[in-house]
Amino acid sequence: MSSEFEEFNRLLMEEMKRVYSEKAIDYGVSPKNIGPMDDANGYAAVADSHGDELHLWLKVENNIIKKVSFFTKGCLTIRIAASALTEMVPGKTLDEAMEIKPKALRDFIGRTPRKTWHCTILAVEVLRMAIRNHIILKVFNNPNSETIKIDL
């Protein structure tokens, strides 16, 4: 039984190496910064029509993203994209992070199947939502903020 399992793992890794970069495999097999963040001051979560669910936490200080963590349910590529994002984003200003494009995330990760590129789109959009939520919370929790008028 053990030799069958080892052969299965070997074939699986060969197939993964054919379609994913080494960096992508590392993010998928050993995800970085996974789990909720106790001191987060930005958060967003989304579930998409492909069955992928992503939760993203941010720690922002002086408009600089210090830490990012995530939790996900779904395919391997959403875990890869979210894990990579947690290492790509820290040190960036909020404005710089808002400008990240899905292609930049794909380039950071390396090779992934084209049919899973929607995962990088989802990860970047959840990042933008978390940043917006951070800004909204900061404004509404600051008694010195100017009044914001919202037309409905």
N, C-alpha and C. Protein backbone atom coordinates (compact mmCIF):
# COMPACT_ATOMS: atom_id res chain seq x y z
N MET A 1 0.83 -1.19 0.00
CA MET A 1 0.00 0.00 0.00
C MET A 1 0.86 1.25 0.00
N SER A 2 1.94 1.26 0.77
CA SER A 2 2.81 2.42 0.87
C SER A 2 3.43 2.77 -0.47
N SER A 3 3.85 1.75 -1.22
CA SER A 3 4.47 2.02 -2.52
C SER A 3 3.45 2.60 -3.51
N GLU A 4 2.20 2.18 -3.42
CA GLU A 4 1.15 2.74 -4.28
C GLU A 4 0.91 4.20 -3.94
N PHE A 5 0.91 4.51 -2.65
CA PHE A 5 0.72 5.89 -2.20
C PHE A 5 1.89 6.75 -2.65
N GLU A 6 3.10 6.26 -2.50
CA GLU A 6 4.29 7.00 -2.94
C GLU A 6 4.27 7.23 -4.44
N GLU A 7 3.86 6.22 -5.20
CA GLU A 7 3.78 6.37 -6.66
C GLU A 7 2.71 7.40 -7.03
N PHE A 8 1.58 7.38 -6.33
CA PHE A 8 0.53 8.37 -6.57
C PHE A 8 1.05 9.77 -6.30
N ASN A 9 1.73 9.97 -5.17
CA ASN A 9 2.29 11.29 -4.83
C ASN A 9 3.32 11.74 -5.87
N ARG A 10 4.15 10.82 -6.34
CA ARG A 10 5.15 11.17 -7.35
C ARG A 10 4.48 11.63 -8.64
N LEU A 11 3.45 10.89 -9.07
CA LEU A 11 2.73 11.26 -10.30
C LEU A 11 1.99 12.59 -10.12
N LEU A 12 1.42 12.79 -8.95
CA LEU A 12 0.73 14.05 -8.66
C LEU A 12 1.68 15.23 -8.72
N MET A 13 2.86 15.09 -8.11
CA MET A 13 3.85 16.18 -8.14
C MET A 13 4.36 16.43 -9.56
N GLU A 14 4.53 15.38 -10.34
CA GLU A 14 4.94 15.56 -11.75
C GLU A 14 3.90 16.37 -12.50
N GLU A 15 2.64 16.06 -12.29
CA GLU A 15 1.57 16.79 -12.97
C GLU A 15 1.51 18.24 -12.48
N MET A 16 1.66 18.45 -11.18
CA MET A 16 1.65 19.82 -10.65
C MET A 16 2.80 20.63 -11.24
N LYS A 17 3.98 20.03 -11.35
CA LYS A 17 5.13 20.74 -11.91
C LYS A 17 4.94 21.06 -13.38
N ARG A 18 4.10 20.28 -14.04
CA ARG A 18 3.82 20.55 -15.45
C ARG A 18 2.95 21.80 -15.63
N VAL A 19 2.04 22.03 -14.68
CA VAL A 19 1.09 23.14 -14.84
C VAL A 19 1.32 24.34 -13.91
N TYR A 20 2.08 24.13 -12.82
CA TYR A 20 2.34 25.20 -11.87
C TYR A 20 3.84 25.45 -11.75
N SER A 21 4.21 26.71 -11.50
CA SER A 21 5.61 27.04 -11.21
C SER A 21 5.98 26.48 -9.84
N GLU A 22 7.28 26.35 -9.59
CA GLU A 22 7.75 25.90 -8.27
C GLU A 22 7.24 26.81 -7.16
N LYS A 23 7.25 28.12 -7.43
CA LYS A 23 6.78 29.09 -6.44
C LYS A 23 5.29 28.88 -6.13
N ALA A 24 4.51 28.64 -7.18
CA ALA A 24 3.07 28.40 -7.00
C ALA A 24 2.85 27.13 -6.19
N ILE A 25 3.61 26.08 -6.50
CA ILE A 25 3.47 24.83 -5.75
C ILE A 25 3.79 25.06 -4.27
N ASP A 26 4.85 25.82 -4.00
CA ASP A 26 5.20 26.11 -2.61
C ASP A 26 4.06 26.83 -1.89
N TYR A 27 3.46 27.84 -2.54
CA TYR A 27 2.34 28.56 -1.92
C TYR A 27 1.14 27.64 -1.71
N GLY A 28 0.94 26.69 -2.61
CA GLY A 28 -0.20 25.78 -2.49
C GLY A 28 -0.01 24.71 -1.44
N VAL A 29 1.20 24.15 -1.38
CA VAL A 29 1.49 23.06 -0.45
C VAL A 29 1.79 23.59 0.95
N SER A 30 2.47 24.73 1.02
CA SER A 30 2.85 25.33 2.31
C SER A 30 2.39 26.78 2.35
N PRO A 31 1.08 27.00 2.46
CA PRO A 31 0.58 28.38 2.41
C PRO A 31 1.16 29.24 3.53
N LYS A 32 1.38 30.50 3.21
CA LYS A 32 1.95 31.46 4.15
C LYS A 32 0.83 32.32 4.75
N ASN A 33 1.00 32.69 6.01
CA ASN A 33 0.10 33.66 6.67
C ASN A 33 -1.37 33.26 6.63
N ILE A 34 -1.61 32.02 6.95
CA ILE A 34 -2.99 31.52 6.91
C ILE A 34 -3.64 31.67 8.28
N GLY A 35 -4.89 32.06 8.28
CA GLY A 35 -5.66 32.17 9.52
C GLY A 35 -6.00 33.60 9.88
N PRO A 36 -7.01 33.77 10.71
CA PRO A 36 -7.44 35.11 11.13
C PRO A 36 -6.33 35.85 11.86
N MET A 37 -6.40 37.17 11.80
CA MET A 37 -5.43 38.04 12.47
C MET A 37 -6.16 38.77 13.59
N ASP A 38 -5.68 38.60 14.82
CA ASP A 38 -6.33 39.20 15.99
C ASP A 38 -6.31 40.73 15.96
N ASP A 39 -5.22 41.31 15.48
CA ASP A 39 -5.10 42.77 15.52
C ASP A 39 -5.39 43.44 14.17
N ALA A 40 -6.14 42.76 13.33
CA ALA A 40 -6.48 43.31 12.00
C ALA A 40 -7.31 44.58 12.14
N ASN A 41 -7.11 45.51 11.22
CA ASN A 41 -7.97 46.70 11.13
C ASN A 41 -8.48 46.89 9.71
N GLY A 42 -8.51 45.79 8.97
CA GLY A 42 -9.12 45.73 7.66
C GLY A 42 -9.50 44.29 7.39
N TYR A 43 -10.68 44.08 6.80
CA TYR A 43 -11.17 42.71 6.55
C TYR A 43 -12.16 42.73 5.42
N ALA A 44 -12.14 41.67 4.62
CA ALA A 44 -13.16 41.46 3.59
C ALA A 44 -13.24 39.97 3.30
N ALA A 45 -14.40 39.55 2.82
CA ALA A 45 -14.61 38.15 2.44
C ALA A 45 -15.55 38.09 1.26
N VAL A 46 -15.29 37.14 0.37
CA VAL A 46 -16.14 36.96 -0.81
C VAL A 46 -16.18 35.48 -1.17
N ALA A 47 -17.32 35.04 -1.65
CA ALA A 47 -17.47 33.72 -2.25
C ALA A 47 -17.90 33.95 -3.69
N ASP A 48 -17.26 33.24 -4.62
CA ASP A 48 -17.60 33.44 -6.03
C ASP A 48 -18.40 32.27 -6.59
N SER A 49 -18.81 32.38 -7.83
CA SER A 49 -19.65 31.37 -8.48
C SER A 49 -18.90 30.08 -8.78
N HIS A 50 -17.58 30.09 -8.67
CA HIS A 50 -16.78 28.88 -8.90
C HIS A 50 -16.67 28.03 -7.63
N GLY A 51 -17.21 28.52 -6.52
CA GLY A 51 -17.14 27.81 -5.26
C GLY A 51 -15.95 28.20 -4.40
N ASP A 52 -15.21 29.22 -4.83
CA ASP A 52 -14.07 29.69 -4.05
C ASP A 52 -14.53 30.72 -3.03
N GLU A 53 -14.00 30.63 -1.82
CA GLU A 53 -14.32 31.57 -0.75
C GLU A 53 -12.99 32.08 -0.19
N LEU A 54 -12.90 33.41 -0.03
CA LEU A 54 -11.66 33.99 0.47
C LEU A 54 -11.96 35.03 1.53
N HIS A 55 -11.28 34.92 2.67
CA HIS A 55 -11.31 35.89 3.76
C HIS A 55 -9.91 36.49 3.84
N LEU A 56 -9.83 37.81 3.95
CA LEU A 56 -8.53 38.48 3.98
C LEU A 56 -8.52 39.50 5.11
N TRP A 57 -7.47 39.45 5.95
CA TRP A 57 -7.29 40.38 7.05
C TRP A 57 -6.06 41.24 6.80
N LEU A 58 -6.15 42.52 7.15
CA LEU A 58 -5.03 43.46 6.99
C LEU A 58 -4.70 44.11 8.33
N LYS A 59 -3.44 44.39 8.54
CA LYS A 59 -2.99 45.25 9.63
C LYS A 59 -2.31 46.43 8.97
N VAL A 60 -2.91 47.61 9.14
CA VAL A 60 -2.42 48.83 8.50
C VAL A 60 -1.99 49.81 9.58
N GLU A 61 -0.81 50.39 9.40
CA GLU A 61 -0.30 51.43 10.30
C GLU A 61 0.23 52.58 9.45
N ASN A 62 -0.26 53.79 9.71
CA ASN A 62 0.18 54.99 8.98
C ASN A 62 0.08 54.81 7.47
N ASN A 63 -1.03 54.25 7.04
CA ASN A 63 -1.33 54.01 5.62
C ASN A 63 -0.38 53.04 4.94
N ILE A 64 0.33 52.24 5.72
CA ILE A 64 1.21 51.20 5.17
C ILE A 64 0.69 49.84 5.65
N ILE A 65 0.55 48.92 4.72
CA ILE A 65 0.10 47.57 5.09
C ILE A 65 1.28 46.83 5.72
N LYS A 66 1.11 46.45 6.97
CA LYS A 66 2.17 45.77 7.72
C LYS A 66 2.06 44.26 7.63
N LYS A 67 0.82 43.75 7.70
CA LYS A 67 0.60 42.30 7.68
C LYS A 67 -0.67 41.99 6.90
N VAL A 68 -0.69 40.81 6.30
CA VAL A 68 -1.87 40.30 5.62
C VAL A 68 -1.99 38.82 5.95
N SER A 69 -3.20 38.36 6.24
CA SER A 69 -3.42 36.93 6.42
C SER A 69 -4.73 36.55 5.72
N PHE A 70 -4.94 35.25 5.56
CA PHE A 70 -6.11 34.80 4.81
C PHE A 70 -6.61 33.46 5.30
N PHE A 71 -7.83 33.16 4.91
CA PHE A 71 -8.42 31.82 5.02
C PHE A 71 -9.20 31.60 3.75
N THR A 72 -9.12 30.41 3.22
CA THR A 72 -9.85 30.14 1.98
C THR A 72 -10.42 28.74 1.96
N LYS A 73 -11.51 28.61 1.22
CA LYS A 73 -12.08 27.31 0.85
C LYS A 73 -12.19 27.35 -0.67
N GLY A 74 -11.80 26.29 -1.29
CA GLY A 74 -11.91 26.25 -2.75
C GLY A 74 -10.74 25.54 -3.38
N CYS A 75 -10.43 25.92 -4.59
CA CYS A 75 -9.41 25.24 -5.37
C CYS A 75 -8.00 25.60 -4.90
N LEU A 76 -7.04 24.85 -5.40
CA LEU A 76 -5.64 25.06 -5.07
C LEU A 76 -5.18 26.47 -5.47
N THR A 77 -5.62 26.96 -6.61
CA THR A 77 -5.12 28.24 -7.10
C THR A 77 -5.59 29.41 -6.26
N ILE A 78 -6.76 29.35 -5.64
CA ILE A 78 -7.17 30.46 -4.78
C ILE A 78 -6.27 30.49 -3.54
N ARG A 79 -5.88 29.31 -3.04
CA ARG A 79 -4.95 29.27 -1.91
C ARG A 79 -3.58 29.82 -2.32
N ILE A 80 -3.13 29.47 -3.52
CA ILE A 80 -1.86 29.98 -4.04
C ILE A 80 -1.92 31.50 -4.16
N ALA A 81 -2.98 32.02 -4.78
CA ALA A 81 -3.11 33.47 -5.00
C ALA A 81 -3.17 34.23 -3.68
N ALA A 82 -3.95 33.74 -2.73
CA ALA A 82 -4.08 34.42 -1.44
C ALA A 82 -2.77 34.37 -0.66
N SER A 83 -2.12 33.22 -0.65
CA SER A 83 -0.85 33.08 0.06
C SER A 83 0.20 34.01 -0.53
N ALA A 84 0.29 34.06 -1.85
CA ALA A 84 1.25 34.94 -2.52
C ALA A 84 0.95 36.40 -2.20
N LEU A 85 -0.32 36.76 -2.19
CA LEU A 85 -0.71 38.14 -1.89
C LEU A 85 -0.23 38.56 -0.51
N THR A 86 -0.25 37.62 0.46
CA THR A 86 0.17 37.96 1.82
C THR A 86 1.67 38.29 1.89
N GLU A 87 2.43 37.85 0.91
CA GLU A 87 3.86 38.18 0.88
C GLU A 87 4.17 39.32 -0.08
N MET A 88 3.28 39.57 -1.03
CA MET A 88 3.48 40.61 -2.03
C MET A 88 3.11 42.00 -1.50
N VAL A 89 2.12 42.07 -0.61
CA VAL A 89 1.52 43.34 -0.20
C VAL A 89 2.19 44.05 0.98
N PRO A 90 2.65 43.36 2.01
CA PRO A 90 3.23 44.09 3.15
C PRO A 90 4.35 45.03 2.72
N GLY A 91 4.31 46.25 3.32
CA GLY A 91 5.28 47.29 2.98
C GLY A 91 4.76 48.28 1.95
N LYS A 92 3.65 47.94 1.31
CA LYS A 92 3.06 48.85 0.32
C LYS A 92 2.11 49.82 1.02
N THR A 93 2.02 51.01 0.44
CA THR A 93 1.01 51.96 0.91
C THR A 93 -0.35 51.47 0.47
N LEU A 94 -1.41 52.03 1.06
CA LEU A 94 -2.75 51.66 0.64
C LEU A 94 -2.96 51.96 -0.84
N ASP A 95 -2.46 53.12 -1.31
CA ASP A 95 -2.60 53.48 -2.72
C ASP A 95 -1.87 52.50 -3.62
N GLU A 96 -0.66 52.11 -3.23
CA GLU A 96 0.11 51.14 -4.04
C GLU A 96 -0.62 49.79 -4.10
N ALA A 97 -1.15 49.35 -2.98
CA ALA A 97 -1.85 48.07 -2.94
C ALA A 97 -3.13 48.11 -3.76
N MET A 98 -3.82 49.26 -3.77
CA MET A 98 -5.04 49.40 -4.58
C MET A 98 -4.73 49.31 -6.07
N GLU A 99 -3.51 49.60 -6.45
CA GLU A 99 -3.12 49.58 -7.87
C GLU A 99 -2.66 48.21 -8.35
N ILE A 100 -2.54 47.24 -7.45
CA ILE A 100 -2.11 45.90 -7.86
C ILE A 100 -3.15 45.31 -8.81
N LYS A 101 -2.66 44.78 -9.91
CA LYS A 101 -3.52 44.16 -10.92
C LYS A 101 -3.38 42.64 -10.82
N PRO A 102 -4.43 41.92 -11.23
CA PRO A 102 -4.33 40.45 -11.21
C PRO A 102 -3.13 39.91 -11.99
N LYS A 103 -2.78 40.54 -13.09
CA LYS A 103 -1.61 40.09 -13.86
C LYS A 103 -0.33 40.22 -13.05
N ALA A 104 -0.20 41.29 -12.27
CA ALA A 104 0.99 41.45 -11.42
C ALA A 104 1.07 40.32 -10.40
N LEU A 105 -0.08 39.92 -9.86
CA LEU A 105 -0.10 38.80 -8.92
C LEU A 105 0.27 37.51 -9.63
N ARG A 106 -0.28 37.30 -10.83
CA ARG A 106 0.09 36.10 -11.61
C ARG A 106 1.58 36.08 -11.91
N ASP A 107 2.14 37.24 -12.28
CA ASP A 107 3.58 37.32 -12.56
C ASP A 107 4.40 37.01 -11.31
N PHE A 108 3.93 37.46 -10.16
CA PHE A 108 4.60 37.21 -8.88
C PHE A 108 4.61 35.71 -8.57
N ILE A 109 3.49 35.05 -8.86
CA ILE A 109 3.33 33.62 -8.57
C ILE A 109 4.10 32.76 -9.56
N GLY A 110 4.04 33.14 -10.82
CA GLY A 110 4.59 32.28 -11.86
C GLY A 110 3.47 31.52 -12.55
N ARG A 111 3.81 30.43 -13.19
CA ARG A 111 2.87 29.68 -14.04
C ARG A 111 1.73 29.05 -13.23
N THR A 112 0.51 29.31 -13.70
CA THR A 112 -0.70 28.66 -13.20
C THR A 112 -1.60 28.39 -14.40
N PRO A 113 -2.51 27.43 -14.30
CA PRO A 113 -3.39 27.16 -15.44
C PRO A 113 -4.26 28.37 -15.78
N ARG A 114 -4.37 28.67 -17.04
CA ARG A 114 -5.16 29.82 -17.49
C ARG A 114 -6.60 29.76 -16.98
N LYS A 115 -7.15 28.56 -16.92
CA LYS A 115 -8.55 28.42 -16.49
C LYS A 115 -8.75 28.78 -15.03
N THR A 116 -7.66 28.98 -14.27
CA THR A 116 -7.79 29.35 -12.86
C THR A 116 -7.41 30.82 -12.62
N TRP A 117 -7.19 31.57 -13.66
CA TRP A 117 -6.80 32.97 -13.49
C TRP A 117 -7.84 33.79 -12.75
N HIS A 118 -9.10 33.32 -12.74
CA HIS A 118 -10.13 34.05 -11.99
C HIS A 118 -9.76 34.15 -10.50
N CYS A 119 -8.93 33.23 -10.03
CA CYS A 119 -8.51 33.25 -8.61
C CYS A 119 -7.67 34.47 -8.29
N THR A 120 -6.81 34.89 -9.23
CA THR A 120 -6.02 36.09 -8.98
C THR A 120 -6.90 37.33 -9.01
N ILE A 121 -7.92 37.30 -9.86
CA ILE A 121 -8.88 38.42 -9.90
C ILE A 121 -9.61 38.50 -8.57
N LEU A 122 -10.08 37.35 -8.07
CA LEU A 122 -10.78 37.32 -6.78
C LEU A 122 -9.89 37.82 -5.66
N ALA A 123 -8.64 37.35 -5.62
CA ALA A 123 -7.73 37.75 -4.53
C ALA A 123 -7.49 39.26 -4.54
N VAL A 124 -7.26 39.83 -5.71
CA VAL A 124 -7.01 41.27 -5.80
C VAL A 124 -8.26 42.06 -5.44
N GLU A 125 -9.41 41.60 -5.85
CA GLU A 125 -10.65 42.31 -5.51
C GLU A 125 -10.93 42.26 -4.01
N VAL A 126 -10.66 41.12 -3.37
CA VAL A 126 -10.87 41.03 -1.93
C VAL A 126 -9.87 41.94 -1.20
N LEU A 127 -8.64 42.02 -1.70
CA LEU A 127 -7.67 42.96 -1.13
C LEU A 127 -8.21 44.39 -1.21
N ARG A 128 -8.72 44.79 -2.36
CA ARG A 128 -9.27 46.14 -2.52
C ARG A 128 -10.45 46.38 -1.58
N MET A 129 -11.30 45.37 -1.42
CA MET A 129 -12.44 45.50 -0.50
C MET A 129 -11.95 45.68 0.93
N ALA A 130 -10.94 44.92 1.34
CA ALA A 130 -10.40 45.02 2.70
C ALA A 130 -9.81 46.40 2.94
N ILE A 131 -9.13 46.95 1.92
CA ILE A 131 -8.57 48.30 2.04
C ILE A 131 -9.69 49.32 2.19
N ARG A 132 -10.72 49.21 1.35
CA ARG A 132 -11.86 50.13 1.46
C ARG A 132 -12.51 50.02 2.83
N ASN A 133 -12.68 48.81 3.31
CA ASN A 133 -13.29 48.62 4.64
C ASN A 133 -12.42 49.23 5.73
N HIS A 134 -11.10 49.10 5.60
CA HIS A 134 -10.19 49.72 6.57
C HIS A 134 -10.39 51.24 6.58
N ILE A 135 -10.46 51.83 5.40
CA ILE A 135 -10.62 53.29 5.29
C ILE A 135 -11.96 53.72 5.89
N ILE A 136 -13.01 53.00 5.59
CA ILE A 136 -14.33 53.34 6.13
C ILE A 136 -14.32 53.26 7.66
N LEU A 137 -13.77 52.18 8.20
CA LEU A 137 -13.70 52.04 9.66
C LEU A 137 -12.87 53.15 10.29
N LYS A 138 -11.78 53.51 9.64
CA LYS A 138 -10.90 54.56 10.16
C LYS A 138 -11.65 55.90 10.20
N VAL A 139 -12.39 56.20 9.16
CA VAL A 139 -13.13 57.47 9.10
C VAL A 139 -14.25 57.48 10.14
N PHE A 140 -15.02 56.41 10.21
CA PHE A 140 -16.16 56.40 11.12
C PHE A 140 -15.76 56.22 12.58
N ASN A 141 -14.58 55.73 12.84
CA ASN A 141 -14.12 55.59 14.22
C ASN A 141 -13.30 56.77 14.70
N ASN A 142 -13.11 57.76 13.85
CA ASN A 142 -12.31 58.94 14.21
C ASN A 142 -13.26 60.10 14.47
N PRO A 143 -13.38 60.56 15.71
CA PRO A 143 -14.31 61.65 16.01
C PRO A 143 -13.90 62.97 15.36
N ASN A 144 -12.66 63.10 14.91
CA ASN A 144 -12.20 64.33 14.26
C ASN A 144 -12.41 64.32 12.74
N SER A 145 -12.94 63.23 12.21
CA SER A 145 -13.17 63.15 10.76
C SER A 145 -14.26 64.12 10.34
N GLU A 146 -14.13 64.58 9.12
CA GLU A 146 -15.19 65.42 8.58
C GLU A 146 -16.39 64.54 8.26
N THR A 147 -17.56 65.14 8.27
CA THR A 147 -18.77 64.41 7.95
C THR A 147 -18.74 64.00 6.49
N ILE A 148 -19.15 62.79 6.24
CA ILE A 148 -19.22 62.28 4.87
C ILE A 148 -20.68 62.24 4.46
N LYS A 149 -20.96 62.82 3.32
CA LYS A 149 -22.32 62.79 2.80
C LYS A 149 -22.41 61.69 1.75
N ILE A 150 -23.38 60.82 1.92
CA ILE A 150 -23.58 59.73 0.98
C ILE A 150 -24.97 59.91 0.38
N ASP A 151 -25.01 60.05 -0.95
CA ASP A 151 -26.28 60.14 -1.65
C ASP A 151 -26.76 58.74 -1.99
N LEU A 152 -27.94 58.40 -1.55
CA LEU A 152 -28.51 57.09 -1.84
C LEU A 152 -29.53 57.18 -2.94
